[in-house]
Amino acid sequence: MTDAKLKILVKQAVDLDREIEEKQAKLKEIKSTLVAEAYSRPEEHTETDGGGSSWTAEGSDGCICRVSFPAETLKDKISGEGKAIDKIKEAAGKFFTKLFLPSVSYTLVPNFRDEAKLLLGAASNKLIKLCQKESSPRVSFETADKN
């Protein structure tokens, strides 16, 4: 490759990189606007299997935008020290050792929500809430067939 061709290729790569960056920033802005719109239309949300919800909007060409609001997710680990674990132990009561596996930190048993409900009944709600973390909305697109 000649120096002249190399310079042209580098310029094309830089131009393309800048264009992609600009379009990614614009897409991020549009997604943020769509999430805000979805939040403003709770009556249009559909419940999802995992306990969350989703909102769908159609584009002028038949494409679909779906904003998913996942249910609260369970924490991966819980520190074995501090106020949080003290509250969790209190909420779990005598079933603490049946709901948590000891390690350097605590890991929730498989099917934690179901097990907590089975063992604690209605009191499990407090414990489950203490073991969840917030989930961020996700945006996806489906492309319509162009016929």
Protein backbone atom coordinates (compact mmCIF):
# COMPACT_ATOMS: atom_id res chain seq x y z
CA MET A 1 0.00 0.00 0.00
CA THR A 2 1.33 3.40 -0.88
CA ASP A 3 1.59 6.20 1.68
CA ALA A 4 -1.15 8.11 -0.19
CA LYS A 5 -3.56 5.11 -0.04
CA LEU A 6 -2.72 4.59 3.63
CA LYS A 7 -3.53 8.22 4.42
CA ILE A 8 -6.88 7.91 2.60
CA LEU A 9 -7.68 4.69 4.48
CA VAL A 10 -6.81 6.25 7.85
CA LYS A 11 -8.96 9.29 7.05
CA GLN A 12 -11.88 7.03 6.05
CA ALA A 13 -11.51 5.07 9.30
CA VAL A 14 -11.43 8.24 11.41
CA ASP A 15 -14.42 9.72 9.55
CA LEU A 16 -16.37 6.48 9.99
CA ASP A 17 -15.42 6.27 13.68
CA ARG A 18 -16.65 9.83 14.24
CA GLU A 19 -19.89 9.13 12.37
CA ILE A 20 -20.51 5.99 14.42
CA GLU A 21 -19.82 7.90 17.64
CA GLU A 22 -22.27 10.64 16.65
CA LYS A 23 -24.95 8.12 15.70
CA GLN A 24 -24.42 6.17 18.94
CA ALA A 25 -24.87 9.40 20.92
CA LYS A 26 -28.06 10.18 18.97
CA LEU A 27 -29.36 6.62 19.51
CA LYS A 28 -28.65 6.90 23.25
CA GLU A 29 -30.61 10.17 23.33
CA ILE A 30 -33.54 8.60 21.44
CA LYS A 31 -33.56 5.54 23.73
CA SER A 32 -33.62 7.82 26.76
CA THR A 33 -36.60 9.69 25.30
CA LEU A 34 -38.38 6.39 24.59
CA VAL A 35 -37.78 5.19 28.16
CA ALA A 36 -39.19 8.48 29.49
CA GLU A 37 -42.24 8.10 27.23
CA ALA A 38 -42.73 4.52 28.41
CA TYR A 39 -42.59 5.66 32.04
CA SER A 40 -45.26 8.26 31.27
CA ARG A 41 -47.66 5.60 29.92
CA PRO A 42 -47.97 3.01 32.69
CA GLU A 43 -51.49 2.09 31.56
CA GLU A 44 -49.97 0.75 28.31
CA HIS A 45 -47.50 -1.56 30.07
CA THR A 46 -47.87 -5.32 29.74
CA GLU A 47 -46.76 -7.59 32.57
CA THR A 48 -43.91 -9.96 31.75
CA ASP A 49 -43.34 -13.49 33.04
CA GLY A 50 -40.51 -12.44 35.33
CA GLY A 51 -42.64 -9.93 37.22
CA GLY A 52 -41.59 -6.87 35.28
CA SER A 53 -43.39 -5.10 32.46
CA SER A 54 -42.86 -3.93 28.92
CA TRP A 55 -44.15 -1.12 26.74
CA THR A 56 -44.33 -1.32 22.96
CA ALA A 57 -44.56 1.42 20.35
CA GLU A 58 -44.78 1.08 16.59
CA GLY A 59 -42.79 3.16 14.13
CA SER A 60 -44.21 4.74 11.00
CA ASP A 61 -42.75 1.90 8.90
CA GLY A 62 -44.07 -0.96 11.07
CA CYS A 63 -40.92 -1.41 13.13
CA ILE A 64 -41.37 -2.01 16.84
CA CYS A 65 -39.69 -0.48 19.87
CA ARG A 66 -40.06 -2.39 23.12
CA VAL A 67 -38.98 -0.88 26.44
CA SER A 68 -38.59 -3.60 29.05
CA PHE A 69 -38.77 -2.86 32.76
CA PRO A 70 -37.34 -5.97 34.42
CA ALA A 71 -38.50 -6.97 37.86
CA GLU A 72 -36.19 -6.25 40.75
CA THR A 73 -33.30 -8.73 40.66
CA LEU A 74 -31.90 -10.53 43.64
CA LYS A 75 -28.48 -9.50 44.89
CA ASP A 76 -25.63 -11.83 43.99
CA LYS A 77 -24.05 -11.61 47.41
CA ILE A 78 -24.76 -10.09 50.79
CA SER A 79 -21.97 -9.03 53.11
CA GLY A 80 -21.74 -11.10 56.27
CA GLU A 81 -21.22 -7.98 58.37
CA GLY A 82 -23.12 -4.78 58.98
CA LYS A 83 -26.66 -3.47 59.31
CA ALA A 84 -27.93 -5.08 56.09
CA ILE A 85 -27.21 -8.65 57.19
CA ASP A 86 -28.59 -7.94 60.65
CA LYS A 87 -31.90 -6.81 59.09
CA ILE A 88 -31.94 -9.81 56.76
CA LYS A 89 -31.31 -12.24 59.61
CA GLU A 90 -34.14 -10.64 61.56
CA ALA A 91 -36.50 -10.84 58.57
CA ALA A 92 -35.62 -14.50 57.85
CA GLY A 93 -35.88 -15.49 61.48
CA LYS A 94 -35.25 -19.18 62.19
CA PHE A 95 -35.14 -19.91 58.44
CA PHE A 96 -32.02 -17.83 57.79
CA THR A 97 -29.77 -20.89 57.38
CA LYS A 98 -32.30 -22.49 55.01
CA LEU A 99 -32.45 -19.41 52.77
CA PHE A 100 -28.79 -18.38 52.68
CA LEU A 101 -25.61 -20.31 51.96
CA PRO A 102 -22.65 -19.17 54.06
CA SER A 103 -19.44 -18.06 52.39
CA VAL A 104 -17.24 -15.03 52.81
CA SER A 105 -20.56 -13.35 51.99
CA TYR A 106 -24.05 -14.83 51.75
CA THR A 107 -25.41 -16.30 48.54
CA LEU A 108 -29.12 -16.82 48.10
CA VAL A 109 -30.35 -20.39 47.63
CA PRO A 110 -31.69 -21.39 44.21
CA ASN A 111 -35.35 -20.35 43.80
CA PHE A 112 -34.92 -17.98 46.75
CA ARG A 113 -38.24 -16.16 46.31
CA ASP A 114 -40.23 -19.41 46.21
CA GLU A 115 -38.36 -20.88 49.17
CA ALA A 116 -38.82 -17.71 51.23
CA LYS A 117 -42.56 -17.67 50.47
CA LEU A 118 -42.85 -21.34 51.35
CA LEU A 119 -41.05 -20.89 54.66
CA LEU A 120 -42.17 -17.43 55.73
CA GLY A 121 -45.48 -16.92 53.95
CA ALA A 122 -46.54 -13.27 53.81
CA ALA A 123 -43.57 -12.26 55.96
CA SER A 124 -41.30 -13.24 53.05
CA ASN A 125 -42.05 -9.97 51.22
CA LYS A 126 -39.89 -7.95 53.62
CA LEU A 127 -37.01 -10.41 53.31
CA ILE A 128 -37.22 -10.58 49.51
CA LYS A 129 -37.25 -6.78 49.25
CA LEU A 130 -34.10 -6.59 51.38
CA CYS A 131 -32.37 -9.01 48.99
CA GLN A 132 -33.21 -7.23 45.72
CA LYS A 133 -31.44 -4.60 43.69
CA GLU A 134 -32.91 -2.21 41.14
CA SER A 135 -33.02 -3.22 37.46
CA SER A 136 -32.51 -0.74 34.65
CA PRO A 137 -34.89 -0.49 31.68
CA ARG A 138 -33.73 -2.04 28.41
CA VAL A 139 -34.66 -0.96 24.87
CA SER A 140 -34.74 -3.29 21.85
CA PHE A 141 -35.91 -2.95 18.26
CA GLU A 142 -37.49 -5.32 15.75
CA THR A 143 -37.08 -4.54 12.08
CA ALA A 144 -40.14 -4.77 9.85
CA ASP A 145 -39.89 -6.67 6.57
CA LYS A 146 -39.54 -4.30 3.63
CA ASN A 147 -41.87 -5.67 0.97
